[in-house]
């Protein structure tokens, strides 16, 4: 079915998603190499075209509306597919040995890989990288099936037949909207009390979900019955900000919202929520020169 003429330009969606991810229109403008007035005009035109207010504008800057969070979540998928398309087209124009096939969990793909790949491209300007973004269990499947050269996961378990190396650490935190009653809590919340909280969880198979399950098992507890199960950090944050409940998310994913006061961290007593981020690849399968170079760069 052909796209309707009212379908928004990808360039405008790209600038808007960057504004949400980076926390301001000015940072998005700098990331795209355009002026702030140009970035603001693109987002305003996007709002008019969609008939939805995407940003709350004030003297302290711009923050996404609840609808803006959802549009950013949906648009991120479209933009990721567009990037995959461009990477695929570029791969057709280059030799196969100049293409690096990657798969990464959502948190790593959104908050860490962009910087890693930007540095990688400066060292390998003739190479292309195709990135599949999914949850940790599906990343493992892609590596096991030989669909990608290298995967990045957050889940704590190991996979048979795969080698791995640690590429970073992360911490999971319990967050609520700043207006939630738990936002004012000073004493740590016992992990057993999570069952009394309206908890929003990532879907089964995600590294965030598996890390939480492992931590709760260590304190003789179990995963609570969730209020909602959602497939992305952005969707969960939108639900929390709308007053739906609380969530345990990567600290990387909520730093901006905590910093600007929209979300609050609730201290937890009991589970150790630090986790190791890992690169994985097929055991006994020599890494390509490009994959080895990317890993060496990350470990620096």
Protein backbone atom coordinates (compact mmCIF):
# COMPACT_ATOMS: atom_id res chain seq x y z
CA UNK A 1 0.00 0.00 0.00
CA UNK A 2 1.50 3.39 -0.93
CA UNK A 3 2.34 5.84 1.83
CA UNK A 4 -0.19 8.71 2.18
CA UNK A 5 0.97 12.17 1.09
CA UNK A 6 0.65 13.30 4.73
CA UNK A 7 3.40 10.91 5.87
CA UNK A 8 5.97 13.05 7.76
CA UNK A 9 9.47 13.57 6.34
CA UNK A 10 12.07 11.23 7.81
CA UNK A 11 14.47 14.13 8.28
CA UNK A 12 12.00 15.88 10.61
CA UNK A 13 11.30 12.68 12.53
CA UNK A 14 15.05 12.14 12.83
CA UNK A 15 15.64 15.57 14.37
CA UNK A 16 12.69 15.16 16.76
CA UNK A 17 13.83 11.72 17.97
CA UNK A 18 17.32 13.12 18.55
CA UNK A 19 15.82 15.96 20.60
CA UNK A 20 14.03 13.43 22.82
CA UNK A 21 17.08 11.16 23.11
CA UNK A 22 19.58 13.96 23.77
CA UNK A 23 17.32 16.05 25.97
CA UNK A 24 17.18 19.31 24.00
CA UNK A 25 16.58 20.78 20.55
CA UNK A 26 19.96 22.51 20.61
CA UNK A 27 21.80 19.21 21.15
CA UNK A 28 19.77 17.62 18.37
CA UNK A 29 20.67 20.50 16.05
CA UNK A 30 24.36 20.07 16.84
CA UNK A 31 24.16 16.31 16.27
CA UNK A 32 22.59 16.86 12.83
CA UNK A 33 24.89 19.73 11.86
CA UNK A 34 22.07 22.28 11.52
CA UNK A 35 21.17 25.48 13.36
CA UNK A 36 18.82 25.44 16.33
CA UNK A 37 16.20 27.59 14.50
CA UNK A 38 16.25 25.10 11.63
CA UNK A 39 15.80 22.18 14.03
CA UNK A 40 12.98 23.99 15.85
CA UNK A 41 11.24 24.78 12.55
CA UNK A 42 11.39 21.13 11.47
CA UNK A 43 9.83 19.97 14.72
CA UNK A 44 7.13 22.68 14.58
CA UNK A 45 6.28 21.70 11.00
CA UNK A 46 6.12 18.08 12.15
CA UNK A 47 3.67 19.03 14.91
CA UNK A 48 1.46 20.86 12.43
CA UNK A 49 1.54 17.96 10.00
CA UNK A 50 0.71 15.37 12.67
CA UNK A 51 -1.76 17.57 14.52
CA UNK A 52 -0.06 16.68 17.81
CA UNK A 53 1.99 18.79 20.21
CA UNK A 54 5.25 16.91 20.62
CA UNK A 55 7.25 19.16 22.92
CA UNK A 56 6.49 21.24 25.99
CA UNK A 57 8.41 24.47 25.49
CA UNK A 58 9.49 26.68 28.37
CA UNK A 59 12.20 29.00 29.53
CA UNK A 60 14.18 26.03 30.82
CA UNK A 61 14.08 24.21 27.49
CA UNK A 62 11.85 21.67 25.76
CA UNK A 63 10.61 18.33 27.09
CA UNK A 64 8.51 15.72 25.27
CA UNK A 65 4.77 15.52 25.86
CA UNK A 66 3.29 12.11 26.60
CA UNK A 67 2.25 11.90 22.95
CA UNK A 68 5.74 13.03 22.00
CA UNK A 69 7.29 10.08 23.81
CA UNK A 70 5.05 7.68 21.92
CA UNK A 71 5.74 9.31 18.55
CA UNK A 72 9.48 9.16 19.29
CA UNK A 73 9.15 5.46 20.14
CA UNK A 74 7.30 4.65 16.89
CA UNK A 75 9.55 6.87 14.81
CA UNK A 76 12.67 5.23 16.26
CA UNK A 77 11.62 1.94 14.69
CA UNK A 78 11.09 3.59 11.31
CA UNK A 79 14.42 5.39 11.50
CA UNK A 80 16.22 2.22 12.54
CA UNK A 81 14.73 0.39 9.55
CA UNK A 82 15.77 3.30 7.33
CA UNK A 83 19.32 3.09 8.65
CA UNK A 84 19.30 -0.64 8.02
CA UNK A 85 18.12 0.02 4.47
CA UNK A 86 20.91 2.53 3.89
CA UNK A 87 23.46 0.16 5.41
CA UNK A 88 22.19 -2.61 3.15
CA UNK A 89 22.38 -0.43 0.06
CA UNK A 90 25.87 0.63 1.00
CA UNK A 91 26.83 -3.00 1.51
CA UNK A 92 25.72 -3.75 -2.05
CA UNK A 93 28.20 -1.16 -3.24
CA UNK A 94 31.08 -2.47 -1.15
CA UNK A 95 32.92 -5.73 -0.76
CA UNK A 96 31.47 -8.21 1.73
CA UNK A 97 34.64 -8.05 3.83
CA UNK A 98 33.99 -4.32 4.30
CA UNK A 99 30.63 -4.93 5.97
CA UNK A 100 30.19 -5.48 9.71
CA UNK A 101 26.92 -7.15 10.74
CA UNK A 102 25.84 -6.34 14.30
CA UNK A 103 22.92 -7.08 16.61
CA UNK A 104 22.40 -5.28 19.91
CA UNK A 105 19.93 -5.12 22.75
CA UNK A 106 17.83 -1.97 22.95
CA UNK A 107 19.71 -0.21 25.75
CA UNK A 108 23.15 -0.81 24.23
CA UNK A 109 21.93 0.11 20.74
CA UNK A 110 20.36 3.36 21.88
CA UNK A 111 22.84 4.66 24.44
CA UNK A 112 26.26 3.14 23.72
CA UNK A 113 26.61 1.87 20.14
CA UNK A 114 26.12 5.26 18.41
CA UNK A 115 29.31 6.56 20.02
CA UNK A 116 31.20 3.32 19.41
CA UNK A 117 30.19 3.25 15.74
CA UNK A 118 30.99 6.93 15.19
CA UNK A 119 34.55 6.28 16.34
CA UNK A 120 34.67 3.05 14.34
CA UNK A 121 33.71 4.87 11.13
CA UNK A 122 36.55 7.37 11.55
CA UNK A 123 39.00 4.44 11.68
CA UNK A 124 37.32 2.51 8.84
CA UNK A 125 35.80 5.12 6.49
CA UNK A 126 35.30 2.59 3.70
CA UNK A 127 33.44 0.06 5.85
CA UNK A 128 29.70 -0.22 6.45
CA UNK A 129 27.86 -1.49 9.50
CA UNK A 130 24.38 -3.02 9.54
CA UNK A 131 22.71 -3.05 12.96
CA UNK A 132 19.79 -5.21 14.11
CA UNK A 133 18.13 -3.82 17.25
CA UNK A 134 16.17 -6.31 19.37
CA UNK A 135 16.12 -7.85 22.86
CA UNK A 136 18.99 -9.88 24.27
CA UNK A 137 17.51 -13.33 23.63
CA UNK A 138 16.99 -12.54 19.96
CA UNK A 139 20.50 -11.12 19.70
CA UNK A 140 21.78 -14.49 20.91
CA UNK A 141 19.65 -16.24 18.28
CA UNK A 142 21.04 -14.03 15.51
CA UNK A 143 24.62 -14.78 16.56
CA UNK A 144 23.93 -18.52 16.90
CA UNK A 145 22.34 -18.62 13.43
CA UNK A 146 25.29 -16.80 11.86
CA UNK A 147 23.14 -13.84 10.79
CA UNK A 148 25.51 -11.33 12.42
CA UNK A 149 29.24 -11.18 13.13
CA UNK A 150 28.94 -9.71 16.61
CA UNK A 151 26.18 -9.26 19.19
CA UNK A 152 25.80 -7.09 22.27
CA UNK A 153 23.63 -8.22 25.18
CA UNK A 154 22.63 -7.20 28.71
CA UNK A 155 21.27 -10.52 29.97
CA UNK A 156 23.19 -12.27 32.78
CA UNK A 157 23.02 -15.84 31.45
CA UNK A 158 25.47 -17.55 29.12
CA UNK A 159 24.74 -19.17 25.76
CA UNK A 160 26.21 -22.51 24.68
CA UNK A 161 28.62 -22.28 21.78
CA UNK A 162 29.33 -18.56 22.15
CA UNK A 163 32.38 -16.64 23.27
CA UNK A 164 31.96 -13.35 25.07
CA UNK A 165 33.82 -10.40 26.51
CA UNK A 166 32.69 -7.65 28.87
CA UNK A 167 32.33 -4.24 27.17
CA UNK A 168 30.86 -2.21 30.02
CA UNK A 169 28.75 -2.13 33.18
CA UNK A 170 25.26 -0.84 33.81
CA UNK A 171 22.93 -0.43 36.77
CA UNK A 172 19.21 -1.02 36.99
CA UNK A 173 17.20 1.47 39.05
CA UNK A 174 13.61 1.67 40.28
CA UNK A 175 12.01 4.84 38.91
CA UNK A 176 8.66 6.57 39.31
CA UNK A 177 7.18 9.85 38.13
CA UNK A 178 8.22 12.76 40.34
CA UNK A 179 4.57 13.08 41.44
CA UNK A 180 4.34 9.43 42.57
CA UNK A 181 4.11 8.81 46.36
CA UNK A 182 7.27 6.67 46.26
CA UNK A 183 9.25 9.61 44.87
CA UNK A 184 9.46 11.07 48.39
CA UNK A 185 10.62 7.84 50.01
CA UNK A 186 13.97 8.15 51.82
CA UNK A 187 14.39 4.65 53.25
CA UNK A 188 15.29 1.85 50.81
CA UNK A 189 12.34 -0.21 49.62
CA UNK A 190 12.76 -3.96 50.43
CA UNK A 191 12.83 -6.03 47.27
CA UNK A 192 9.94 -8.12 48.61
CA UNK A 193 7.80 -4.96 48.56
CA UNK A 194 8.10 -4.74 44.79
CA UNK A 195 5.10 -7.06 44.70
CA UNK A 196 3.05 -4.25 46.26
CA UNK A 197 4.03 -1.80 43.51
CA UNK A 198 2.26 -1.42 40.17
CA UNK A 199 5.33 -2.48 38.22
CA UNK A 200 5.76 -2.06 34.47
CA UNK A 201 8.21 -4.57 33.01
CA UNK A 202 10.09 -5.13 29.79
CA UNK A 203 8.99 -8.14 27.78
CA UNK A 204 10.30 -11.67 28.53
CA UNK A 205 13.62 -12.20 26.78
CA UNK A 206 14.92 -8.68 27.38
CA UNK A 207 18.19 -8.26 29.24
CA UNK A 208 16.59 -5.81 31.66
CA UNK A 209 13.88 -8.33 32.58
CA UNK A 210 16.33 -11.23 32.97
CA UNK A 211 18.73 -9.16 35.10
CA UNK A 212 15.88 -8.18 37.44
CA UNK A 213 14.72 -11.80 37.71
CA UNK A 214 18.26 -12.93 38.60
CA UNK A 215 18.67 -10.21 41.23
CA UNK A 216 15.34 -11.06 42.87
CA UNK A 217 16.22 -14.76 42.98
CA UNK A 218 19.36 -13.86 44.94
CA UNK A 219 17.20 -12.33 47.69
CA UNK A 220 14.72 -15.24 47.66
CA UNK A 221 12.05 -13.27 45.85
CA UNK A 222 10.50 -13.53 42.41
CA UNK A 223 9.38 -11.28 39.60
CA UNK A 224 6.10 -9.51 40.53
CA UNK A 225 2.97 -9.81 38.43
CA UNK A 226 3.37 -6.81 36.11
CA UNK A 227 0.80 -4.12 35.59
CA UNK A 228 2.02 -3.86 31.98
CA UNK A 229 4.65 -5.50 29.78
CA UNK A 230 6.10 -3.20 27.12
CA UNK A 231 8.74 -3.76 24.47
CA UNK A 232 10.89 -0.65 24.83
CA UNK A 233 12.36 1.74 27.38
CA UNK A 234 10.65 4.72 25.74
CA UNK A 235 7.19 3.16 25.96
CA UNK A 236 7.74 2.31 29.63
CA UNK A 237 8.92 5.84 30.43
CA UNK A 238 5.85 7.29 28.70
CA UNK A 239 3.59 5.04 30.79
CA UNK A 240 5.35 5.98 34.03
CA UNK A 241 5.16 9.69 33.27
CA UNK A 242 1.45 9.22 32.61
CA UNK A 243 1.09 7.91 36.17
CA UNK A 244 0.76 4.20 35.37
CA UNK A 245 3.21 2.93 37.99
CA UNK A 246 6.91 2.22 38.52
CA UNK A 247 9.61 0.41 36.55
CA UNK A 248 13.10 -1.00 36.88
CA UNK A 249 15.14 0.33 33.96
CA UNK A 250 18.73 0.90 32.95
CA UNK A 251 20.17 4.02 34.54
CA UNK A 252 21.48 4.92 31.09
CA UNK A 253 17.89 5.05 29.81
CA UNK A 254 16.56 7.41 32.49
CA UNK A 255 19.48 9.76 33.19
CA UNK A 256 17.94 12.69 31.29
CA UNK A 257 14.52 12.36 32.93
CA UNK A 258 16.07 12.05 36.39
CA UNK A 259 18.30 15.05 35.76
CA UNK A 260 15.40 17.28 34.66
CA UNK A 261 13.16 16.12 37.50
CA UNK A 262 10.47 14.24 35.60
CA UNK A 263 11.48 10.88 37.08
CA UNK A 264 12.75 10.00 40.55
CA UNK A 265 14.88 7.06 41.67
CA UNK A 266 13.54 4.99 44.58
CA UNK A 267 16.31 3.31 46.65
CA UNK A 268 16.04 -0.47 46.80
CA UNK A 269 17.18 -2.77 49.62
CA UNK A 270 18.30 -6.25 48.75
CA UNK A 271 18.95 -7.08 45.10
CA UNK A 272 22.24 -6.23 43.43
CA UNK A 273 21.15 -4.55 40.23
CA UNK A 274 24.52 -3.98 38.61
CA UNK A 275 25.02 -5.94 35.39
CA UNK A 276 27.74 -6.61 32.88
CA UNK A 277 27.28 -5.71 29.22
CA UNK A 278 28.86 -8.22 26.86
CA UNK A 279 29.84 -8.70 23.26
CA UNK A 280 29.18 -12.23 21.98
CA UNK A 281 30.21 -14.22 18.90
CA UNK A 282 30.35 -17.82 17.71
CA UNK A 283 32.92 -19.89 19.57
CA UNK A 284 35.78 -21.28 17.50
CA UNK A 285 34.86 -18.84 14.76
CA UNK A 286 37.61 -16.29 14.03
CA UNK A 287 36.34 -12.73 14.24
CA UNK A 288 36.60 -10.62 11.11
CA UNK A 289 39.13 -7.80 11.03
CA UNK A 290 36.33 -5.24 11.40
CA UNK A 291 34.72 -7.02 14.36
CA UNK A 292 38.09 -7.37 16.09
CA UNK A 293 38.81 -3.70 15.49
CA UNK A 294 35.48 -2.62 17.00
CA UNK A 295 36.05 -4.76 20.10
CA UNK A 296 39.59 -3.46 20.52
CA UNK A 297 38.27 0.11 20.29
CA UNK A 298 35.56 -0.50 22.93
CA UNK A 299 38.05 -2.03 25.36
CA UNK A 300 40.36 0.99 25.20
